[in-house]
Amino acid sequence: MNIEQWWPNLKPATQAWLIDNNGDAVPESLAAEIAEAGGPAASDARQGGDDEPPGFYFPDEVVDWIEAVGNGETPEPPRPR
């Protein structure tokens, strides 16, 4: 399921956290809510690299989508990998 389909199922506070902390590791509690809403499970997300702390990270195209939403834009859906 693409982000534009599960994003509306998130709590407004979760959406705000994701916008405010876009690109950061997502806490386990939010990752669980995202998976429940139809988003990727923590096991499907990118894991932190050598220069990042371990955790749940969205792929770059999802980070770009969230950034566009945070800027009040209407983003294109991320392309499936």
Protein backbone atom coordinates (compact mmCIF):
# COMPACT_ATOMS: atom_id res chain seq x y z
CA MET A 1 0.00 0.00 0.00
CA ASN A 2 1.35 3.46 -0.90
CA ILE A 3 1.79 6.17 1.71
CA GLU A 4 -1.04 8.29 0.33
CA GLN A 5 -3.38 5.39 1.15
CA TRP A 6 -2.26 4.77 4.75
CA TRP A 7 -1.26 8.31 5.74
CA PRO A 8 -4.90 9.38 6.44
CA ASN A 9 -5.24 6.41 8.84
CA LEU A 10 -2.55 7.79 11.16
CA LYS A 11 -3.35 9.90 14.21
CA PRO A 12 -2.81 13.64 13.60
CA ALA A 13 -0.12 13.62 16.32
CA THR A 14 1.72 10.83 14.47
CA GLN A 15 1.50 12.73 11.18
CA ALA A 16 2.87 15.84 12.92
CA TRP A 17 5.75 13.86 14.46
CA LEU A 18 6.65 12.35 11.10
CA ILE A 19 6.64 15.79 9.46
CA ASP A 20 8.63 17.42 12.27
CA ASN A 21 11.16 14.56 12.44
CA ASN A 22 11.20 13.58 8.78
CA GLY A 23 14.12 11.33 7.90
CA ASP A 24 14.83 10.39 11.53
CA ALA A 25 14.46 6.93 13.00
CA VAL A 26 10.80 6.25 13.75
CA PRO A 27 10.08 5.12 17.34
CA GLU A 28 8.76 1.58 17.72
CA SER A 29 5.37 2.77 18.97
CA LEU A 30 4.86 4.90 15.85
CA ALA A 31 6.21 2.15 13.60
CA ALA A 32 3.55 -0.17 15.06
CA GLU A 33 0.81 2.40 14.35
CA ILE A 34 2.11 2.85 10.80
CA ALA A 35 2.04 -0.91 10.18
CA GLU A 36 -1.47 -1.12 11.65
CA ALA A 37 -2.59 1.70 9.32
CA GLY A 38 -1.37 -0.27 6.30
CA GLY A 39 2.14 1.14 6.03
CA PRO A 40 5.37 -0.82 5.99
CA ALA A 41 6.22 -3.05 8.91
CA ALA A 42 9.44 -2.24 10.72
CA SER A 43 10.98 -5.30 9.09
CA ASP A 44 10.23 -3.80 5.63
CA ALA A 45 11.81 -0.42 6.31
CA ARG A 46 15.37 0.64 5.70
CA GLN A 47 17.63 0.02 8.67
CA GLY A 48 20.11 2.64 9.86
CA GLY A 49 23.44 2.68 8.05
CA ASP A 50 26.92 3.02 9.51
CA ASP A 51 26.46 6.74 10.13
CA GLU A 52 22.91 6.44 11.55
CA PRO A 53 21.63 5.00 14.78
CA PRO A 54 19.81 1.69 14.39
CA GLY A 55 16.09 1.85 13.84
CA PHE A 56 13.16 2.09 11.44
CA TYR A 57 13.74 4.53 8.57
CA PHE A 58 11.57 5.30 5.57
CA PRO A 59 13.03 5.04 2.07
CA ASP A 60 14.08 8.34 0.46
CA GLU A 61 10.96 8.57 -1.72
CA VAL A 62 8.71 8.37 1.36
CA VAL A 63 10.82 11.00 3.15
CA ASP A 64 10.39 13.25 0.08
CA TRP A 65 6.61 12.63 0.11
CA ILE A 66 6.34 13.56 3.80
CA GLU A 67 8.46 16.67 3.20
CA ALA A 68 6.10 17.78 0.43
CA VAL A 69 3.07 17.28 2.71
CA GLY A 70 4.82 19.26 5.45
CA ASN A 71 5.39 22.08 2.95
CA GLY A 72 1.68 22.15 2.07
CA GLU A 73 2.25 20.63 -1.37
CA THR A 74 0.33 17.81 -3.03
CA PRO A 75 3.02 15.19 -3.63
CA GLU A 76 3.14 12.55 -6.31
CA PRO A 77 2.84 8.98 -4.96
CA PRO A 78 6.22 7.34 -4.42
CA ARG A 79 7.19 4.89 -7.13
CA PRO A 80 7.12 1.24 -6.11
CA ARG A 81 10.54 -0.33 -5.87
